[in-house]
Amino acid sequence: MATTTDDRIRTGHVAQTTPYAWPWNGVLDATGTAVLVVEAPGDSGAIDDGGLRNAEVVVATLRRAGCIAIRVLTRRVPSTRPFGGAASAFSAEGTGEIPTDATVSSQGVDGFFGSPLESILRRAGIERLLLVGAWLETSVHSTMRTANDMGFECLLVVDACVPGETDLVANSVSMIEMSGGIFGAVGTTAQVVEAYAHEGERA
């Protein structure tokens, strides 16, 4: 990866993200970058271990690089169907929570709704967000759409997310990628690790 004349600022892109090279301005610096671990209530027995393990890898890589990680607990509003369970949908038995630097709780499916998430990100000078978690087509997707509207440059790490319904994955990705990336870009765990792994050595 190339660097600017200021070695503290790392430039480049996460490889092969779609539909555009992420981040759009080529700034990959860990300062100003955060990963959101979005979680929703549900049946932890339904979790795809691959998605969970990938999320752990993404979060660990980014934290070593100097990025912050925020756990975002979302919920369904009372007017919709009730909670699927008391346990987080993104916690599999025996794994424990993915380590993060902070935890916020929202009042709806959108992680920003009724939560201090935006103020935390603004105070930390965050410009770029990577999103992992569950469920892909509900809490992760809704949180990403709002983040994009707020001006954050967003990357969905698709294989580090768990869908409530696997048949909806393609549609969820398509909604993000339409119109040249209306809600951000989409990448994979391997691509993110390749882009950020060496940052941990420099930090």
N, C-alpha and C. Protein backbone atom coordinates (compact mmCIF):
# COMPACT_ATOMS: atom_id res chain seq x y z
N MET A 1 0.83 -1.20 0.00
CA MET A 1 0.00 0.00 0.00
C MET A 1 0.87 1.25 0.00
N ALA A 2 0.44 2.23 -0.74
CA ALA A 2 1.17 3.49 -0.77
C ALA A 2 0.86 4.30 0.47
N THR A 3 1.77 5.19 0.84
CA THR A 3 1.50 6.10 1.93
C THR A 3 1.72 7.52 1.46
N THR A 4 1.12 8.44 2.17
CA THR A 4 1.36 9.84 1.87
C THR A 4 2.69 10.25 2.48
N THR A 5 3.04 11.53 2.34
CA THR A 5 4.29 12.00 2.94
C THR A 5 4.22 11.94 4.45
N ASP A 6 3.01 11.92 5.01
CA ASP A 6 2.83 11.73 6.44
C ASP A 6 2.62 10.24 6.67
N ASP A 7 3.62 9.55 7.25
CA ASP A 7 3.55 8.10 7.41
C ASP A 7 2.43 7.66 8.33
N ARG A 8 1.84 8.59 9.06
CA ARG A 8 0.74 8.21 9.93
C ARG A 8 -0.55 8.00 9.15
N ILE A 9 -0.60 8.51 7.91
CA ILE A 9 -1.80 8.39 7.10
C ILE A 9 -1.58 7.34 6.03
N ARG A 10 -2.34 6.26 6.11
CA ARG A 10 -2.18 5.16 5.17
C ARG A 10 -3.23 5.28 4.08
N THR A 11 -2.80 5.13 2.83
CA THR A 11 -3.72 5.27 1.72
C THR A 11 -3.78 3.98 0.91
N GLY A 12 -4.85 3.82 0.18
CA GLY A 12 -5.08 2.64 -0.63
C GLY A 12 -6.54 2.25 -0.57
N HIS A 13 -6.82 1.01 -0.91
CA HIS A 13 -8.20 0.52 -0.89
C HIS A 13 -8.22 -0.92 -0.40
N VAL A 14 -9.36 -1.34 0.12
CA VAL A 14 -9.59 -2.76 0.35
C VAL A 14 -9.82 -3.38 -1.02
N ALA A 15 -9.10 -4.45 -1.33
CA ALA A 15 -9.11 -5.01 -2.68
C ALA A 15 -10.48 -5.57 -3.07
N GLN A 16 -10.87 -5.31 -4.30
CA GLN A 16 -12.00 -5.97 -4.96
C GLN A 16 -13.35 -5.77 -4.27
N THR A 17 -13.51 -4.64 -3.58
CA THR A 17 -14.83 -4.36 -3.04
C THR A 17 -15.75 -3.93 -4.17
N THR A 18 -17.04 -4.14 -3.98
CA THR A 18 -18.02 -3.80 -5.02
C THR A 18 -19.10 -2.88 -4.45
N PRO A 19 -19.67 -1.99 -5.24
CA PRO A 19 -19.41 -1.76 -6.66
C PRO A 19 -18.31 -0.74 -6.93
N TYR A 20 -17.62 -0.27 -5.89
CA TYR A 20 -16.52 0.67 -6.09
C TYR A 20 -15.39 0.34 -5.12
N ALA A 21 -14.23 0.89 -5.39
CA ALA A 21 -13.06 0.67 -4.53
C ALA A 21 -13.27 1.42 -3.22
N TRP A 22 -13.27 0.67 -2.10
CA TRP A 22 -13.53 1.25 -0.78
C TRP A 22 -12.21 1.45 -0.04
N PRO A 23 -12.07 2.58 0.66
CA PRO A 23 -12.97 3.72 0.72
C PRO A 23 -12.83 4.60 -0.52
N TRP A 24 -13.84 5.36 -0.78
CA TRP A 24 -13.90 6.11 -2.04
C TRP A 24 -12.73 7.08 -2.20
N ASN A 25 -12.24 7.64 -1.07
CA ASN A 25 -11.16 8.64 -1.16
C ASN A 25 -9.77 8.04 -0.97
N GLY A 26 -9.70 6.72 -0.83
CA GLY A 26 -8.40 6.05 -0.74
C GLY A 26 -7.69 6.18 0.59
N VAL A 27 -8.39 6.65 1.64
CA VAL A 27 -7.77 6.77 2.96
C VAL A 27 -8.14 5.53 3.78
N LEU A 28 -7.14 4.71 4.08
CA LEU A 28 -7.35 3.48 4.85
C LEU A 28 -6.87 3.62 6.30
N ASP A 29 -6.41 4.77 6.66
CA ASP A 29 -5.81 4.98 7.97
C ASP A 29 -6.71 4.48 9.09
N ALA A 30 -6.11 3.80 10.07
CA ALA A 30 -6.89 3.27 11.19
C ALA A 30 -7.53 4.39 12.00
N THR A 31 -6.85 5.51 12.11
CA THR A 31 -7.45 6.66 12.77
C THR A 31 -8.62 7.12 11.92
N GLY A 32 -9.77 7.21 12.51
CA GLY A 32 -10.96 7.59 11.76
C GLY A 32 -11.73 6.40 11.22
N THR A 33 -11.33 5.18 11.62
CA THR A 33 -12.01 3.97 11.16
C THR A 33 -12.53 3.18 12.36
N ALA A 34 -13.76 2.68 12.24
CA ALA A 34 -14.34 1.85 13.31
C ALA A 34 -15.07 0.67 12.70
N VAL A 35 -15.17 -0.40 13.46
CA VAL A 35 -15.97 -1.55 13.06
C VAL A 35 -17.15 -1.65 14.03
N LEU A 36 -18.34 -1.79 13.46
CA LEU A 36 -19.55 -1.96 14.26
C LEU A 36 -19.94 -3.43 14.26
N VAL A 37 -20.06 -3.99 15.47
CA VAL A 37 -20.53 -5.37 15.64
C VAL A 37 -22.00 -5.26 16.00
N VAL A 38 -22.86 -5.35 14.99
CA VAL A 38 -24.29 -5.14 15.18
C VAL A 38 -24.93 -6.45 15.62
N GLU A 39 -25.73 -6.38 16.67
CA GLU A 39 -26.37 -7.58 17.20
C GLU A 39 -27.86 -7.35 17.38
N ALA A 40 -28.64 -8.41 17.17
CA ALA A 40 -30.08 -8.36 17.35
C ALA A 40 -30.52 -9.52 18.22
N PRO A 41 -31.62 -9.38 18.93
CA PRO A 41 -32.11 -10.51 19.74
C PRO A 41 -32.60 -11.62 18.83
N GLY A 42 -32.37 -12.84 19.26
CA GLY A 42 -32.81 -13.96 18.45
C GLY A 42 -32.29 -15.26 19.00
N ASP A 43 -32.48 -16.31 18.25
CA ASP A 43 -32.10 -17.66 18.66
C ASP A 43 -30.64 -17.88 18.32
N SER A 44 -29.77 -17.92 19.33
CA SER A 44 -28.34 -18.10 19.06
C SER A 44 -28.04 -19.46 18.46
N GLY A 45 -28.96 -20.41 18.60
CA GLY A 45 -28.75 -21.73 18.01
C GLY A 45 -28.79 -21.72 16.50
N ALA A 46 -29.32 -20.61 15.92
CA ALA A 46 -29.43 -20.52 14.46
C ALA A 46 -28.20 -19.91 13.82
N ILE A 47 -27.21 -19.58 14.64
CA ILE A 47 -26.06 -18.85 14.12
C ILE A 47 -25.19 -19.72 13.22
N ASP A 48 -24.77 -19.12 12.12
CA ASP A 48 -23.78 -19.72 11.22
C ASP A 48 -22.40 -19.45 11.81
N ASP A 49 -21.72 -20.50 12.25
CA ASP A 49 -20.42 -20.31 12.89
C ASP A 49 -19.42 -19.62 11.97
N GLY A 50 -19.55 -19.81 10.66
CA GLY A 50 -18.62 -19.16 9.74
C GLY A 50 -18.72 -17.66 9.81
N GLY A 51 -19.92 -17.13 9.84
CA GLY A 51 -20.10 -15.69 9.96
C GLY A 51 -19.56 -15.15 11.26
N LEU A 52 -19.81 -15.86 12.34
CA LEU A 52 -19.32 -15.44 13.64
C LEU A 52 -17.80 -15.45 13.69
N ARG A 53 -17.20 -16.53 13.19
CA ARG A 53 -15.73 -16.62 13.21
C ARG A 53 -15.11 -15.53 12.34
N ASN A 54 -15.71 -15.26 11.21
CA ASN A 54 -15.18 -14.19 10.35
C ASN A 54 -15.28 -12.84 11.03
N ALA A 55 -16.38 -12.61 11.73
CA ALA A 55 -16.52 -11.34 12.46
C ALA A 55 -15.43 -11.20 13.52
N GLU A 56 -15.12 -12.29 14.20
CA GLU A 56 -14.06 -12.26 15.20
C GLU A 56 -12.72 -11.90 14.56
N VAL A 57 -12.46 -12.45 13.38
CA VAL A 57 -11.21 -12.17 12.67
C VAL A 57 -11.16 -10.71 12.25
N VAL A 58 -12.25 -10.20 11.69
CA VAL A 58 -12.30 -8.81 11.25
C VAL A 58 -12.06 -7.87 12.43
N VAL A 59 -12.78 -8.09 13.52
CA VAL A 59 -12.65 -7.20 14.67
C VAL A 59 -11.25 -7.26 15.25
N ALA A 60 -10.70 -8.46 15.40
CA ALA A 60 -9.35 -8.60 15.96
C ALA A 60 -8.32 -7.90 15.07
N THR A 61 -8.44 -8.06 13.76
CA THR A 61 -7.50 -7.43 12.82
C THR A 61 -7.58 -5.92 12.91
N LEU A 62 -8.77 -5.39 12.91
CA LEU A 62 -8.93 -3.94 12.93
C LEU A 62 -8.50 -3.34 14.26
N ARG A 63 -8.77 -4.01 15.35
CA ARG A 63 -8.35 -3.48 16.65
C ARG A 63 -6.82 -3.48 16.76
N ARG A 64 -6.17 -4.52 16.24
CA ARG A 64 -4.70 -4.53 16.24
C ARG A 64 -4.15 -3.39 15.38
N ALA A 65 -4.88 -3.03 14.35
CA ALA A 65 -4.45 -1.95 13.47
C ALA A 65 -4.67 -0.58 14.09
N GLY A 66 -5.41 -0.53 15.20
CA GLY A 66 -5.66 0.75 15.86
C GLY A 66 -7.06 1.30 15.66
N CYS A 67 -7.92 0.55 14.97
CA CYS A 67 -9.32 0.98 14.82
C CYS A 67 -10.08 0.67 16.11
N ILE A 68 -11.20 1.36 16.31
CA ILE A 68 -12.04 1.04 17.45
C ILE A 68 -13.17 0.12 17.01
N ALA A 69 -13.67 -0.68 17.96
CA ALA A 69 -14.78 -1.59 17.71
C ALA A 69 -15.90 -1.27 18.68
N ILE A 70 -17.11 -1.17 18.16
CA ILE A 70 -18.27 -0.83 18.99
C ILE A 70 -19.34 -1.90 18.81
N ARG A 71 -19.79 -2.46 19.91
CA ARG A 71 -20.88 -3.42 19.89
C ARG A 71 -22.20 -2.64 19.92
N VAL A 72 -23.07 -2.92 18.96
CA VAL A 72 -24.32 -2.20 18.82
C VAL A 72 -25.48 -3.17 19.04
N LEU A 73 -26.16 -3.05 20.17
CA LEU A 73 -27.28 -3.93 20.49
C LEU A 73 -28.57 -3.29 19.99
N THR A 74 -29.26 -3.98 19.10
CA THR A 74 -30.52 -3.46 18.56
C THR A 74 -31.69 -4.27 19.10
N ARG A 75 -32.89 -3.76 18.85
CA ARG A 75 -34.08 -4.46 19.34
C ARG A 75 -35.24 -4.22 18.39
N ARG A 76 -36.21 -5.09 18.46
CA ARG A 76 -37.45 -4.88 17.72
C ARG A 76 -38.37 -4.02 18.57
N VAL A 77 -39.09 -3.14 17.90
CA VAL A 77 -40.02 -2.29 18.64
C VAL A 77 -41.24 -3.12 19.03
N PRO A 78 -41.95 -2.74 20.12
CA PRO A 78 -43.07 -3.54 20.61
C PRO A 78 -44.19 -3.75 19.60
N SER A 79 -44.33 -2.86 18.63
CA SER A 79 -45.42 -2.99 17.67
C SER A 79 -45.17 -4.09 16.64
N THR A 80 -43.94 -4.59 16.59
CA THR A 80 -43.63 -5.69 15.67
C THR A 80 -43.62 -6.99 16.47
N ARG A 81 -43.21 -8.08 15.83
CA ARG A 81 -43.24 -9.35 16.54
C ARG A 81 -42.26 -9.32 17.72
N PRO A 82 -42.52 -10.11 18.77
CA PRO A 82 -41.70 -10.04 19.99
C PRO A 82 -40.29 -10.56 19.79
N PHE A 83 -39.47 -10.34 20.81
CA PHE A 83 -38.10 -10.82 20.78
C PHE A 83 -38.06 -12.32 20.51
N GLY A 84 -37.04 -12.72 19.73
CA GLY A 84 -36.86 -14.14 19.46
C GLY A 84 -36.18 -14.85 20.61
N GLY A 85 -35.64 -14.13 21.55
CA GLY A 85 -34.95 -14.74 22.68
C GLY A 85 -34.15 -13.71 23.44
N ALA A 86 -33.73 -14.06 24.62
CA ALA A 86 -33.00 -13.10 25.44
C ALA A 86 -31.54 -13.00 25.01
N ALA A 87 -31.00 -14.07 24.47
CA ALA A 87 -29.60 -14.08 24.07
C ALA A 87 -29.41 -13.28 22.79
N SER A 88 -28.22 -12.73 22.64
CA SER A 88 -27.91 -12.04 21.39
C SER A 88 -27.86 -13.05 20.26
N ALA A 89 -28.33 -12.64 19.10
CA ALA A 89 -28.30 -13.52 17.94
C ALA A 89 -26.87 -13.77 17.46
N PHE A 90 -25.93 -12.96 17.90
CA PHE A 90 -24.57 -13.09 17.39
C PHE A 90 -23.63 -13.65 18.44
N SER A 91 -24.17 -14.36 19.42
CA SER A 91 -23.35 -15.01 20.43
C SER A 91 -23.60 -16.50 20.39
N ALA A 92 -22.62 -17.26 19.98
CA ALA A 92 -22.75 -18.71 19.94
C ALA A 92 -22.23 -19.31 21.23
N GLU A 93 -22.85 -20.39 21.66
CA GLU A 93 -22.46 -21.01 22.92
C GLU A 93 -20.98 -21.39 22.91
N GLY A 94 -20.27 -20.99 23.94
CA GLY A 94 -18.87 -21.35 24.07
C GLY A 94 -17.91 -20.33 23.50
N THR A 95 -18.41 -19.34 22.75
CA THR A 95 -17.49 -18.38 22.15
C THR A 95 -17.38 -17.11 22.96
N GLY A 96 -18.42 -16.76 23.71
CA GLY A 96 -18.43 -15.50 24.43
C GLY A 96 -18.58 -14.34 23.47
N GLU A 97 -18.57 -13.14 24.01
CA GLU A 97 -18.72 -11.95 23.18
C GLU A 97 -17.44 -11.65 22.43
N ILE A 98 -17.60 -11.07 21.26
CA ILE A 98 -16.45 -10.57 20.53
C ILE A 98 -15.96 -9.33 21.26
N PRO A 99 -14.68 -9.26 21.62
CA PRO A 99 -14.18 -8.09 22.37
C PRO A 99 -14.34 -6.80 21.58
N THR A 100 -14.88 -5.79 22.23
CA THR A 100 -15.04 -4.47 21.62
C THR A 100 -14.58 -3.41 22.61
N ASP A 101 -14.54 -2.17 22.14
CA ASP A 101 -14.09 -1.07 22.98
C ASP A 101 -15.23 -0.34 23.66
N ALA A 102 -16.44 -0.52 23.19
CA ALA A 102 -17.61 0.14 23.76
C ALA A 102 -18.86 -0.62 23.34
N THR A 103 -19.95 -0.41 24.08
CA THR A 103 -21.24 -1.03 23.76
C THR A 103 -22.32 0.03 23.84
N VAL A 104 -23.19 0.05 22.83
CA VAL A 104 -24.35 0.94 22.86
C VAL A 104 -25.60 0.11 22.60
N SER A 105 -26.73 0.60 23.09
CA SER A 105 -28.01 -0.06 22.87
C SER A 105 -28.96 0.90 22.19
N SER A 106 -29.60 0.44 21.12
CA SER A 106 -30.56 1.28 20.42
C SER A 106 -31.97 0.93 20.88
N GLN A 107 -32.93 1.71 20.42
CA GLN A 107 -34.33 1.49 20.77
C GLN A 107 -35.11 0.91 19.60
N GLY A 108 -34.41 0.42 18.59
CA GLY A 108 -35.07 -0.17 17.43
C GLY A 108 -34.10 -1.01 16.62
N VAL A 109 -34.53 -1.40 15.43
CA VAL A 109 -33.71 -2.22 14.55
C VAL A 109 -32.49 -1.45 14.06
N ASP A 110 -32.64 -0.16 13.89
CA ASP A 110 -31.54 0.72 13.47
C ASP A 110 -30.66 1.03 14.68
N GLY A 111 -29.37 0.72 14.57
CA GLY A 111 -28.47 0.92 15.70
C GLY A 111 -28.29 2.36 16.13
N PHE A 112 -28.66 3.31 15.28
CA PHE A 112 -28.54 4.72 15.63
C PHE A 112 -29.79 5.25 16.35
N PHE A 113 -30.91 4.53 16.23
CA PHE A 113 -32.17 5.05 16.75
C PHE A 113 -32.19 5.00 18.28
N GLY A 114 -32.31 6.16 18.90
CA GLY A 114 -32.39 6.23 20.36
C GLY A 114 -31.13 5.78 21.05
N SER A 115 -29.97 5.89 20.37
CA SER A 115 -28.70 5.46 20.98
C SER A 115 -27.67 6.58 20.84
N PRO A 116 -26.59 6.51 21.62
CA PRO A 116 -25.54 7.53 21.51
C PRO A 116 -24.50 7.21 20.45
N LEU A 117 -24.80 6.30 19.55
CA LEU A 117 -23.80 5.82 18.60
C LEU A 117 -23.21 6.95 17.76
N GLU A 118 -24.05 7.80 17.20
CA GLU A 118 -23.51 8.87 16.35
C GLU A 118 -22.59 9.79 17.13
N SER A 119 -22.99 10.17 18.34
CA SER A 119 -22.15 11.10 19.11
C SER A 119 -20.82 10.46 19.47
N ILE A 120 -20.80 9.17 19.76
CA ILE A 120 -19.55 8.47 20.06
C ILE A 120 -18.63 8.48 18.84
N LEU A 121 -19.20 8.20 17.68
CA LEU A 121 -18.40 8.18 16.45
C LEU A 121 -17.86 9.56 16.10
N ARG A 122 -18.70 10.59 16.26
CA ARG A 122 -18.27 11.95 15.94
C ARG A 122 -17.15 12.40 16.88
N ARG A 123 -17.30 12.13 18.16
CA ARG A 123 -16.27 12.54 19.13
C ARG A 123 -14.95 11.85 18.86
N ALA A 124 -15.01 10.64 18.35
CA ALA A 124 -13.79 9.88 18.06
C ALA A 124 -13.21 10.23 16.69
N GLY A 125 -13.87 11.11 15.95
CA GLY A 125 -13.37 11.50 14.64
C GLY A 125 -13.49 10.41 13.59
N ILE A 126 -14.50 9.55 13.74
CA ILE A 126 -14.67 8.44 12.82
C ILE A 126 -15.29 8.91 11.50
N GLU A 127 -14.69 8.46 10.41
CA GLU A 127 -15.21 8.76 9.07
C GLU A 127 -15.62 7.50 8.31
N ARG A 128 -14.98 6.37 8.65
CA ARG A 128 -15.19 5.12 7.92
C ARG A 128 -15.72 4.05 8.87
N LEU A 129 -16.71 3.29 8.39
CA LEU A 129 -17.30 2.22 9.20
C LEU A 129 -17.27 0.91 8.42
N LEU A 130 -16.85 -0.16 9.10
CA LEU A 130 -17.02 -1.51 8.58
C LEU A 130 -18.08 -2.17 9.44
N LEU A 131 -19.00 -2.90 8.84
CA LEU A 131 -20.11 -3.49 9.59
C LEU A 131 -20.09 -5.00 9.48
N VAL A 132 -20.24 -5.65 10.65
CA VAL A 132 -20.40 -7.10 10.75
C VAL A 132 -21.57 -7.34 11.69
N GLY A 133 -22.09 -8.58 11.72
CA GLY A 133 -23.10 -8.86 12.72
C GLY A 133 -24.33 -9.58 12.23
N ALA A 134 -25.41 -9.43 12.98
CA ALA A 134 -26.68 -10.11 12.72
C ALA A 134 -27.84 -9.18 13.13
N TRP A 135 -28.94 -9.32 12.51
CA TRP A 135 -29.13 -10.08 11.28
C TRP A 135 -28.82 -9.18 10.09
N LEU A 136 -28.28 -9.76 9.02
CA LEU A 136 -27.82 -8.99 7.88
C LEU A 136 -28.91 -8.11 7.29
N GLU A 137 -30.08 -8.70 7.02
CA GLU A 137 -31.11 -7.98 6.28
C GLU A 137 -31.97 -7.08 7.16
N THR A 138 -31.73 -7.11 8.49
CA THR A 138 -32.52 -6.26 9.38
C THR A 138 -31.60 -5.26 10.08
N SER A 139 -31.05 -5.61 11.21
CA SER A 139 -30.29 -4.66 12.02
C SER A 139 -29.03 -4.15 11.32
N VAL A 140 -28.26 -5.05 10.68
CA VAL A 140 -27.03 -4.61 10.02
C VAL A 140 -27.38 -3.67 8.86
N HIS A 141 -28.32 -4.07 8.06
CA HIS A 141 -28.69 -3.29 6.88
C HIS A 141 -29.25 -1.93 7.27
N SER A 142 -30.15 -1.91 8.24
CA SER A 142 -30.76 -0.65 8.67
C SER A 142 -29.73 0.30 9.25
N THR A 143 -28.82 -0.22 10.06
CA THR A 143 -27.77 0.60 10.66
C THR A 143 -26.84 1.16 9.58
N MET A 144 -26.52 0.35 8.58
CA MET A 144 -25.65 0.81 7.50
C MET A 144 -26.30 1.91 6.67
N ARG A 145 -27.58 1.78 6.40
CA ARG A 145 -28.27 2.79 5.60
C ARG A 145 -28.28 4.14 6.32
N THR A 146 -28.54 4.11 7.62
CA THR A 146 -28.53 5.36 8.38
C THR A 146 -27.13 5.94 8.43
N ALA A 147 -26.12 5.10 8.66
CA ALA A 147 -24.74 5.58 8.71
C ALA A 147 -24.36 6.27 7.41
N ASN A 148 -24.75 5.69 6.29
CA ASN A 148 -24.46 6.29 5.00
C ASN A 148 -25.13 7.66 4.88
N ASP A 149 -26.39 7.75 5.31
CA ASP A 149 -27.11 9.03 5.24
C ASP A 149 -26.45 10.09 6.12
N MET A 150 -25.76 9.65 7.18
CA MET A 150 -25.08 10.58 8.07
C MET A 150 -23.71 10.99 7.55
N GLY A 151 -23.29 10.41 6.43
CA GLY A 151 -22.03 10.80 5.83
C GLY A 151 -20.86 9.89 6.13
N PHE A 152 -21.08 8.77 6.81
CA PHE A 152 -20.00 7.82 7.06
C PHE A 152 -19.77 6.97 5.80
N GLU A 153 -18.52 6.65 5.52
CA GLU A 153 -18.15 5.82 4.39
C GLU A 153 -18.19 4.37 4.86
N CYS A 154 -19.15 3.58 4.33
CA CYS A 154 -19.48 2.27 4.91
C CYS A 154 -19.05 1.10 4.03
N LEU A 155 -18.55 0.06 4.70
CA LEU A 155 -18.23 -1.20 4.04
C LEU A 155 -18.92 -2.34 4.79
N LEU A 156 -19.78 -3.07 4.10
CA LEU A 156 -20.39 -4.27 4.65
C LEU A 156 -19.44 -5.44 4.42
N VAL A 157 -19.04 -6.13 5.50
CA VAL A 157 -18.20 -7.32 5.37
C VAL A 157 -19.17 -8.50 5.32
N VAL A 158 -19.55 -8.87 4.11
CA VAL A 158 -20.73 -9.72 3.93
C VAL A 158 -20.58 -11.11 4.53
N ASP A 159 -19.39 -11.70 4.48
CA ASP A 159 -19.23 -13.04 5.03
C ASP A 159 -18.96 -13.02 6.53
N ALA A 160 -18.97 -11.83 7.13
CA ALA A 160 -18.87 -11.69 8.58
C ALA A 160 -20.22 -11.24 9.15
N CYS A 161 -21.26 -11.43 8.36
CA CYS A 161 -22.63 -11.15 8.79
C CYS A 161 -23.45 -12.43 8.72
N VAL A 162 -24.47 -12.50 9.55
CA VAL A 162 -25.35 -13.67 9.57
C VAL A 162 -26.75 -13.23 9.16
N PRO A 163 -27.32 -13.84 8.13
CA PRO A 163 -28.68 -13.48 7.72
C PRO A 163 -29.73 -14.20 8.54
N GLY A 164 -30.86 -13.54 8.74
CA GLY A 164 -31.99 -14.23 9.35
C GLY A 164 -32.57 -15.25 8.39
N GLU A 165 -32.58 -14.86 7.12
CA GLU A 165 -33.05 -15.75 6.06
C GLU A 165 -32.03 -15.73 4.93
N THR A 166 -31.45 -16.87 4.65
CA THR A 166 -30.37 -16.92 3.66
C THR A 166 -30.84 -16.52 2.27
N ASP A 167 -32.12 -16.71 1.97
CA ASP A 167 -32.64 -16.34 0.66
C ASP A 167 -32.61 -14.84 0.42
N LEU A 168 -32.41 -14.05 1.48
CA LEU A 168 -32.44 -12.60 1.34
C LEU A 168 -31.05 -11.97 1.22
N VAL A 169 -30.01 -12.78 1.27
CA VAL A 169 -28.65 -12.24 1.21
C VAL A 169 -28.39 -11.50 -0.10
N ALA A 170 -28.72 -12.13 -1.22
CA ALA A 170 -28.45 -11.52 -2.52
C ALA A 170 -29.19 -10.20 -2.67
N ASN A 171 -30.44 -10.16 -2.25
CA ASN A 171 -31.22 -8.92 -2.34
C ASN A 171 -30.64 -7.85 -1.43
N SER A 172 -30.20 -8.23 -0.25
CA SER A 172 -29.62 -7.26 0.69
C SER A 172 -28.36 -6.63 0.12
N VAL A 173 -27.51 -7.45 -0.49
CA VAL A 173 -26.29 -6.95 -1.10
C VAL A 173 -26.61 -6.06 -2.29
N SER A 174 -27.58 -6.49 -3.09
CA SER A 174 -27.96 -5.72 -4.27
C SER A 174 -28.45 -4.33 -3.90
N MET A 175 -29.20 -4.22 -2.80
CA MET A 175 -29.71 -2.92 -2.37
C MET A 175 -28.58 -1.97 -2.02
N ILE A 176 -27.51 -2.49 -1.43
CA ILE A 176 -26.35 -1.66 -1.08
C ILE A 176 -25.60 -1.22 -2.34
N GLU A 177 -25.46 -2.13 -3.28
CA GLU A 177 -24.62 -1.89 -4.45
C GLU A 177 -25.32 -1.10 -5.56
N MET A 178 -26.65 -1.01 -5.52
CA MET A 178 -27.35 -0.36 -6.63
C MET A 178 -26.96 1.11 -6.74
N SER A 179 -27.14 1.64 -7.94
CA SER A 179 -26.83 3.06 -8.23
C SER A 179 -25.39 3.41 -7.89
N GLY A 180 -24.48 2.46 -8.12
CA GLY A 180 -23.07 2.74 -7.89
C GLY A 180 -22.64 2.68 -6.45
N GLY A 181 -23.47 2.07 -5.61
CA GLY A 181 -23.13 1.96 -4.18
C GLY A 181 -23.86 2.99 -3.36
N ILE A 182 -25.18 2.99 -3.46
CA ILE A 182 -25.98 4.03 -2.81
C ILE A 182 -25.86 4.01 -1.29
N PHE A 183 -25.60 2.83 -0.72
CA PHE A 183 -25.45 2.74 0.73
C PHE A 183 -24.03 2.38 1.16
N GLY A 184 -23.10 2.30 0.20
CA GLY A 184 -21.72 1.96 0.54
C GLY A 184 -21.20 0.87 -0.37
N ALA A 185 -20.24 0.11 0.12
CA ALA A 185 -19.62 -0.95 -0.66
C ALA A 185 -19.69 -2.26 0.11
N VAL A 186 -19.35 -3.35 -0.58
CA VAL A 186 -19.42 -4.69 -0.01
C VAL A 186 -18.07 -5.38 -0.21
N GLY A 187 -17.57 -6.02 0.84
CA GLY A 187 -16.31 -6.74 0.76
C GLY A 187 -16.35 -8.02 1.58
N THR A 188 -15.22 -8.68 1.70
CA THR A 188 -15.13 -9.94 2.43
C THR A 188 -14.07 -9.85 3.52
N THR A 189 -14.11 -10.82 4.41
CA THR A 189 -13.15 -10.89 5.50
C THR A 189 -11.72 -10.93 4.99
N ALA A 190 -11.45 -11.78 4.01
CA ALA A 190 -10.08 -11.91 3.49
C ALA A 190 -9.57 -10.59 2.93
N GLN A 191 -10.43 -9.86 2.25
CA GLN A 191 -10.03 -8.57 1.67
C GLN A 191 -9.69 -7.56 2.76
N VAL A 192 -10.51 -7.53 3.81
CA VAL A 192 -10.27 -6.59 4.92
C VAL A 192 -8.99 -6.94 5.65
N VAL A 193 -8.76 -8.22 5.91
CA VAL A 193 -7.55 -8.65 6.60
C VAL A 193 -6.32 -8.29 5.78
N GLU A 194 -6.38 -8.51 4.47
CA GLU A 194 -5.24 -8.18 3.61
C GLU A 194 -4.92 -6.69 3.68
N ALA A 195 -5.95 -5.86 3.73
CA ALA A 195 -5.74 -4.42 3.72
C ALA A 195 -5.22 -3.89 5.05
N TYR A 196 -5.64 -4.49 6.16
CA TYR A 196 -5.35 -3.91 7.47
C TYR A 196 -4.37 -4.71 8.33
N ALA A 197 -4.01 -5.92 7.93
CA ALA A 197 -3.16 -6.75 8.80
C ALA A 197 -1.83 -6.08 9.13
N HIS A 198 -1.20 -5.44 8.15
CA HIS A 198 0.12 -4.85 8.39
C HIS A 198 0.06 -3.61 9.25
N GLU A 199 -1.14 -3.03 9.38
CA GLU A 199 -1.27 -1.86 10.25
C GLU A 199 -0.96 -2.22 11.70
N GLY A 200 -1.35 -3.45 12.10
CA GLY A 200 -1.08 -3.88 13.46
C GLY A 200 0.41 -3.95 13.75
N GLU A 201 1.20 -4.27 12.73
CA GLU A 201 2.65 -4.33 12.91
C GLU A 201 3.24 -2.94 13.05
N ARG A 202 2.61 -1.94 12.40
CA ARG A 202 3.10 -0.56 12.44
C ARG A 202 2.64 0.18 13.69
N ALA A 203 1.48 -0.29 14.27
CA ALA A 203 0.88 0.44 15.39
C ALA A 203 1.77 0.38 16.62
